[in-house]
Amino acid sequence: MNSQTSANTSMARRARMLDVIRQQGFVSIPELRDSLEVSESTIRRDLESLEESGEARRTHGGVFYTGSVTTVRQFQRGNPSDGAWDKKRAIALEAAKLVNDHDTVLLDGGSTTYELAKQLVGRPLQIVTNSLPVANLFSASDSVDLVILGGAIHNRTGVTHGPFTDQMLETINVQKAFLSVAGVNEKGFYNSNLLLVETERCMMRSADRTIIVADSTKFGRSSLARMLEWNQVDTLVVDEDLSTLWRDRIDELDTNLILAPLNNSQDTHSNSIS
């Protein structure tokens, strides 16, 4: 078998594998092995490829479907060489450690919270979100009680916001709210959409604990609307590329800072199956 034929065979097998995972939501490794009639080592190699593309996520004993549905906007990785997604994945790995099984967790829309959601798939949780892409990740998971906040949909990001969303938030309580931002400076935390900012303020009021997830490139920047002030944030999760200057400033502001090591995000795939 020449190299081109082998590559075509692998692509076809992965397509069949993805179909099985998509249809069932969760599939065990032995089930995939029997369905495709290949070895477990081949299954594991193919799953690594599907996970890197964002279409599946491996967990103990099997794999969850995390790919897109054609009617739901998904986040695109862009240029992999710029390191942005490595930062977001590293932050997601650390933020996931703050979540205990059976917690009630609120996730807003954003590429970093989307990466966090992927780390939480398969865990026994109550998830509240205004993000259609995030909700899609959990829609096939039997372990999650999912609540979607209604309201007007922001087409570019696939999140709900506005008065209906805010009214619903007034009736609920969550233990932890994970919020993303467009910018951070000495005055506080910013986003670019005025309606979304008001919804995020409602999210903060509904939470026992507010946790900001922001990569280091957001620091020293502002945007259209200030969302939160420093004294309203319990914990800030940032990648380890955050400058020493900002680390010192955050220490002076008495905000709990968690630095996410970037090397751990590189090792995620190789450690996700035991």
Protein backbone atom coordinates (compact mmCIF):
# COMPACT_ATOMS: atom_id res chain seq x y z
CA MET A 1 0.00 0.00 0.00
CA ASN A 2 1.51 3.32 -1.07
CA SER A 3 1.52 6.40 1.17
CA GLN A 4 -1.39 8.10 -0.64
CA THR A 5 -3.59 5.00 -0.36
CA SER A 6 -2.69 4.65 3.32
CA ALA A 7 -3.59 8.29 3.98
CA ASN A 8 -6.93 7.89 2.20
CA THR A 9 -7.69 4.77 4.23
CA SER A 10 -6.92 6.60 7.48
CA MET A 11 -9.12 9.54 6.52
CA ALA A 12 -12.02 7.27 5.64
CA ARG A 13 -11.65 5.34 8.92
CA ARG A 14 -11.60 8.57 10.95
CA ALA A 15 -14.70 9.78 9.12
CA ARG A 16 -16.52 6.56 10.04
CA MET A 17 -15.26 6.86 13.62
CA LEU A 18 -16.51 10.43 13.85
CA ASP A 19 -19.93 9.37 12.55
CA VAL A 20 -20.21 6.76 15.30
CA ILE A 21 -19.15 9.23 18.00
CA ARG A 22 -21.50 11.94 16.66
CA GLN A 23 -24.50 9.62 16.58
CA GLN A 24 -23.98 8.20 20.08
CA GLY A 25 -22.53 11.24 21.87
CA PHE A 26 -20.22 9.01 23.95
CA VAL A 27 -18.54 5.79 22.83
CA SER A 28 -16.18 3.50 24.72
CA ILE A 29 -12.84 2.46 23.25
CA PRO A 30 -13.86 -1.23 22.99
CA GLU A 31 -17.06 -0.24 21.15
CA LEU A 32 -15.06 1.74 18.61
CA ARG A 33 -12.60 -1.10 18.22
CA ASP A 34 -15.39 -3.62 17.54
CA SER A 35 -17.34 -1.26 15.29
CA LEU A 36 -14.36 -0.39 13.08
CA GLU A 37 -12.58 -3.74 13.40
CA VAL A 38 -9.17 -2.23 14.08
CA SER A 39 -6.76 -2.41 16.99
CA GLU A 40 -7.03 -0.21 20.08
CA SER A 41 -3.69 1.39 19.24
CA THR A 42 -5.12 2.48 15.87
CA ILE A 43 -8.24 3.79 17.63
CA ARG A 44 -6.10 5.84 20.00
CA ARG A 45 -4.04 7.36 17.17
CA ASP A 46 -7.19 8.31 15.28
CA LEU A 47 -8.77 9.79 18.40
CA GLU A 48 -5.70 11.95 18.94
CA SER A 49 -6.21 13.40 15.48
CA LEU A 50 -9.94 14.02 16.08
CA GLU A 51 -9.21 15.66 19.44
CA GLU A 52 -6.60 17.98 17.93
CA SER A 53 -9.18 19.10 15.36
CA GLY A 54 -11.71 19.80 18.14
CA GLU A 55 -14.21 17.18 16.96
CA ALA A 56 -13.91 14.81 19.93
CA ARG A 57 -12.56 14.74 23.46
CA ARG A 58 -11.11 11.67 25.13
CA THR A 59 -11.90 10.85 28.72
CA HIS A 60 -11.42 7.81 30.93
CA GLY A 61 -12.80 4.81 29.04
CA GLY A 62 -14.03 6.52 25.91
CA VAL A 63 -14.62 9.64 23.87
CA PHE A 64 -17.25 12.43 23.71
CA TYR A 65 -18.38 14.23 20.58
CA THR A 66 -17.40 17.91 20.74
CA GLY A 67 -17.64 18.81 17.08
CA SER A 68 -19.83 21.39 15.45
CA VAL A 69 -23.41 21.26 14.31
CA THR A 70 -24.01 23.09 11.05
CA THR A 71 -26.55 25.45 12.62
CA VAL A 72 -24.33 26.44 15.54
CA ARG A 73 -21.44 28.87 15.14
CA GLN A 74 -18.15 27.46 16.42
CA PHE A 75 -14.85 29.08 17.31
CA GLN A 76 -12.08 28.78 14.74
CA ARG A 77 -8.52 28.22 15.77
CA GLY A 78 -6.99 30.64 13.30
CA ASN A 79 -3.22 30.55 12.86
CA PRO A 80 -1.80 27.81 15.15
CA SER A 81 1.65 29.39 15.09
CA ASP A 82 0.59 32.50 17.03
CA GLY A 83 0.28 30.56 20.30
CA ALA A 84 -3.09 32.08 21.24
CA TRP A 85 -4.88 28.75 21.44
CA ASP A 86 -2.09 27.24 23.52
CA LYS A 87 -2.69 30.03 26.04
CA LYS A 88 -6.45 29.50 26.01
CA ARG A 89 -6.10 25.74 26.45
CA ALA A 90 -3.62 26.20 29.32
CA ILE A 91 -6.01 28.60 31.04
CA ALA A 92 -8.89 26.15 30.51
CA LEU A 93 -6.94 23.31 32.11
CA GLU A 94 -6.25 25.38 35.24
CA ALA A 95 -9.76 26.82 35.43
CA ALA A 96 -11.25 23.32 35.24
CA LYS A 97 -9.43 22.46 38.47
CA LEU A 98 -11.56 25.08 40.25
CA VAL A 99 -14.72 23.15 39.40
CA ASN A 100 -15.88 20.37 41.72
CA ASP A 101 -18.17 17.56 40.61
CA HIS A 102 -21.85 18.49 41.08
CA ASP A 103 -21.10 22.23 41.08
CA THR A 104 -23.48 24.64 39.40
CA VAL A 105 -21.32 26.53 36.91
CA LEU A 106 -22.10 29.47 34.63
CA LEU A 107 -20.09 29.85 31.41
CA ASP A 108 -20.41 32.94 29.25
CA GLY A 109 -19.54 33.10 25.55
CA GLY A 110 -15.96 33.42 24.41
CA SER A 111 -13.14 31.35 22.97
CA THR A 112 -11.48 30.76 26.35
CA THR A 113 -14.70 29.74 28.11
CA TYR A 114 -15.38 27.46 25.14
CA GLU A 115 -12.03 25.73 25.75
CA LEU A 116 -12.97 25.44 29.44
CA ALA A 117 -16.31 23.88 28.50
CA LYS A 118 -14.46 21.22 26.49
CA GLN A 119 -12.52 20.29 29.64
CA LEU A 120 -15.77 19.89 31.61
CA VAL A 121 -17.59 17.58 29.18
CA GLY A 122 -18.41 14.26 30.84
CA ARG A 123 -18.30 15.52 34.43
CA PRO A 124 -21.41 15.50 36.68
CA LEU A 125 -22.33 19.20 36.73
CA GLN A 126 -25.11 21.71 36.35
CA ILE A 127 -24.14 24.05 33.51
CA VAL A 128 -25.79 27.40 32.85
CA THR A 129 -24.75 29.26 29.69
CA ASN A 130 -25.80 31.94 27.24
CA SER A 131 -23.53 30.48 24.55
CA LEU A 132 -24.98 28.24 21.84
CA PRO A 133 -21.54 26.75 20.99
CA VAL A 134 -20.98 25.92 24.68
CA ALA A 135 -24.47 24.46 25.03
CA ASN A 136 -23.84 22.30 21.97
CA LEU A 137 -20.84 20.69 23.67
CA PHE A 138 -22.98 19.47 26.56
CA SER A 139 -26.14 18.60 24.64
CA ALA A 140 -25.21 14.92 24.24
CA SER A 141 -23.83 14.44 27.78
CA ASP A 142 -26.03 12.50 30.19
CA SER A 143 -23.94 13.64 33.16
CA VAL A 144 -24.80 17.35 32.76
CA ASP A 145 -27.96 19.24 33.67
CA LEU A 146 -27.93 21.98 31.05
CA VAL A 147 -29.72 25.33 31.32
CA ILE A 148 -29.62 27.69 28.32
CA LEU A 149 -30.33 31.35 28.96
CA GLY A 150 -32.87 32.73 26.52
CA GLY A 151 -32.78 36.11 24.83
CA ALA A 152 -31.69 37.83 21.65
CA ILE A 153 -28.84 36.06 19.84
CA HIS A 154 -25.72 37.97 18.91
CA ASN A 155 -25.07 36.54 15.46
CA ARG A 156 -21.28 36.94 15.38
CA THR A 157 -20.65 35.07 18.64
CA GLY A 158 -23.73 32.87 19.06
CA VAL A 159 -24.50 34.15 22.58
CA THR A 160 -27.77 35.44 24.04
CA HIS A 161 -28.01 38.80 25.74
CA GLY A 162 -30.49 41.56 26.44
CA PRO A 163 -33.41 42.02 28.86
CA PHE A 164 -34.85 38.50 28.59
CA THR A 165 -31.47 36.98 29.37
CA ASP A 166 -30.95 39.40 32.27
CA GLN A 167 -34.40 38.63 33.73
CA MET A 168 -33.68 34.91 33.71
CA LEU A 169 -30.36 35.48 35.46
CA GLU A 170 -32.15 37.32 38.26
CA THR A 171 -34.00 34.10 39.15
CA ILE A 172 -31.01 31.75 39.44
CA ASN A 173 -27.92 31.26 41.58
CA VAL A 174 -24.69 29.56 40.57
CA GLN A 175 -21.66 28.68 42.64
CA LYS A 176 -19.09 29.80 40.08
CA ALA A 177 -19.32 32.08 37.05
CA PHE A 178 -16.51 31.98 34.48
CA LEU A 179 -16.41 35.15 32.39
CA SER A 180 -14.21 36.13 29.46
CA VAL A 181 -13.10 39.66 28.62
CA ALA A 182 -11.78 41.70 25.70
CA GLY A 183 -9.41 43.82 27.76
CA VAL A 184 -7.92 44.39 31.22
CA ASN A 185 -6.34 47.51 32.66
CA GLU A 186 -5.89 49.19 36.03
CA LYS A 187 -9.52 50.35 36.05
CA GLY A 188 -11.05 46.93 35.51
CA PHE A 189 -12.28 44.46 32.90
CA TYR A 190 -13.84 45.31 29.53
CA ASN A 191 -15.91 43.92 26.69
CA SER A 192 -16.94 45.49 23.40
CA ASN A 193 -20.71 44.87 23.31
CA LEU A 194 -22.83 47.06 25.60
CA LEU A 195 -25.77 44.64 25.86
CA LEU A 196 -23.46 41.70 26.51
CA VAL A 197 -21.65 43.65 29.23
CA GLU A 198 -24.92 44.25 31.05
CA THR A 199 -25.71 40.52 30.81
CA GLU A 200 -22.27 39.68 32.20
CA ARG A 201 -22.90 42.03 35.12
CA CYS A 202 -26.09 40.07 35.82
CA MET A 203 -24.05 36.86 35.64
CA MET A 204 -21.68 38.22 38.24
CA ARG A 205 -24.58 39.13 40.56
CA SER A 206 -26.04 35.62 40.24
CA ALA A 207 -22.76 33.93 41.26
CA ASP A 208 -21.24 33.13 44.64
CA ARG A 209 -17.82 33.45 43.00
CA THR A 210 -16.73 35.29 39.85
CA ILE A 211 -13.72 33.95 37.96
CA ILE A 212 -12.19 35.77 34.99
CA VAL A 213 -10.37 33.72 32.33
CA ALA A 214 -8.16 35.93 30.16
CA ASP A 215 -5.00 35.30 28.18
CA SER A 216 -2.00 37.56 28.74
CA THR A 217 -2.50 39.45 25.47
CA LYS A 218 -5.62 41.11 26.92
CA PHE A 219 -3.70 43.03 29.61
CA GLY A 220 -3.06 46.71 29.16
CA ARG A 221 -6.05 47.00 26.83
CA SER A 222 -9.51 48.50 27.18
CA SER A 223 -12.70 48.28 25.14
CA LEU A 224 -16.06 50.02 24.70
CA ALA A 225 -17.64 49.15 28.05
CA ARG A 226 -16.19 48.45 31.46
CA MET A 227 -17.73 45.26 32.74
CA LEU A 228 -16.30 44.77 36.22
CA GLU A 229 -13.99 46.50 38.64
CA TRP A 230 -11.14 44.69 40.34
CA ASN A 231 -12.92 44.37 43.69
CA GLN A 232 -15.75 42.43 42.02
CA VAL A 233 -13.48 39.59 40.86
CA ASP A 234 -12.58 36.66 43.11
CA THR A 235 -10.05 34.87 40.94
CA LEU A 236 -8.17 35.59 37.73
CA VAL A 237 -6.78 32.72 35.60
CA VAL A 238 -4.08 33.82 33.13
CA ASP A 239 -1.35 32.05 31.17
CA GLU A 240 2.21 32.24 32.49
CA ASP A 241 3.26 34.72 29.80
CA LEU A 242 1.74 37.48 31.93
CA SER A 243 4.39 40.14 32.52
CA THR A 244 6.09 40.62 35.88
CA LEU A 245 4.70 44.16 35.95
CA TRP A 246 1.14 42.90 35.78
CA ARG A 247 1.80 40.13 38.29
CA ASP A 248 2.99 42.76 40.78
CA ARG A 249 -0.02 44.99 40.09
CA ILE A 250 -2.46 42.14 40.64
CA ASP A 251 -0.72 41.24 43.89
CA GLU A 252 -1.17 44.84 45.06
CA LEU A 253 -4.87 44.69 44.14
CA ASP A 254 -5.26 41.63 46.37
CA THR A 255 -6.89 39.53 43.64
CA ASN A 256 -6.27 35.79 43.61
CA LEU A 257 -4.10 35.06 40.56
CA ILE A 258 -3.64 31.61 39.05
CA LEU A 259 -0.94 31.29 36.39
CA ALA A 260 -1.47 28.52 33.86
CA PRO A 261 1.73 26.75 32.72
CA LEU A 262 1.87 26.53 28.95
CA ASN A 263 3.83 23.28 28.86
CA ASN A 264 0.91 21.43 30.48
CA SER A 265 -1.39 22.35 27.60
CA GLN A 266 1.01 20.68 25.17
CA ASP A 267 0.83 17.41 27.09
CA THR A 268 -2.96 17.19 27.32
CA HIS A 269 -3.51 14.75 24.47
CA SER A 270 -0.92 12.23 25.56
CA ASN A 271 -2.27 12.09 29.13
CA SER A 272 -6.01 12.03 28.49
CA ILE A 273 -6.32 8.24 28.16
CA SER A 274 -5.10 5.99 30.94
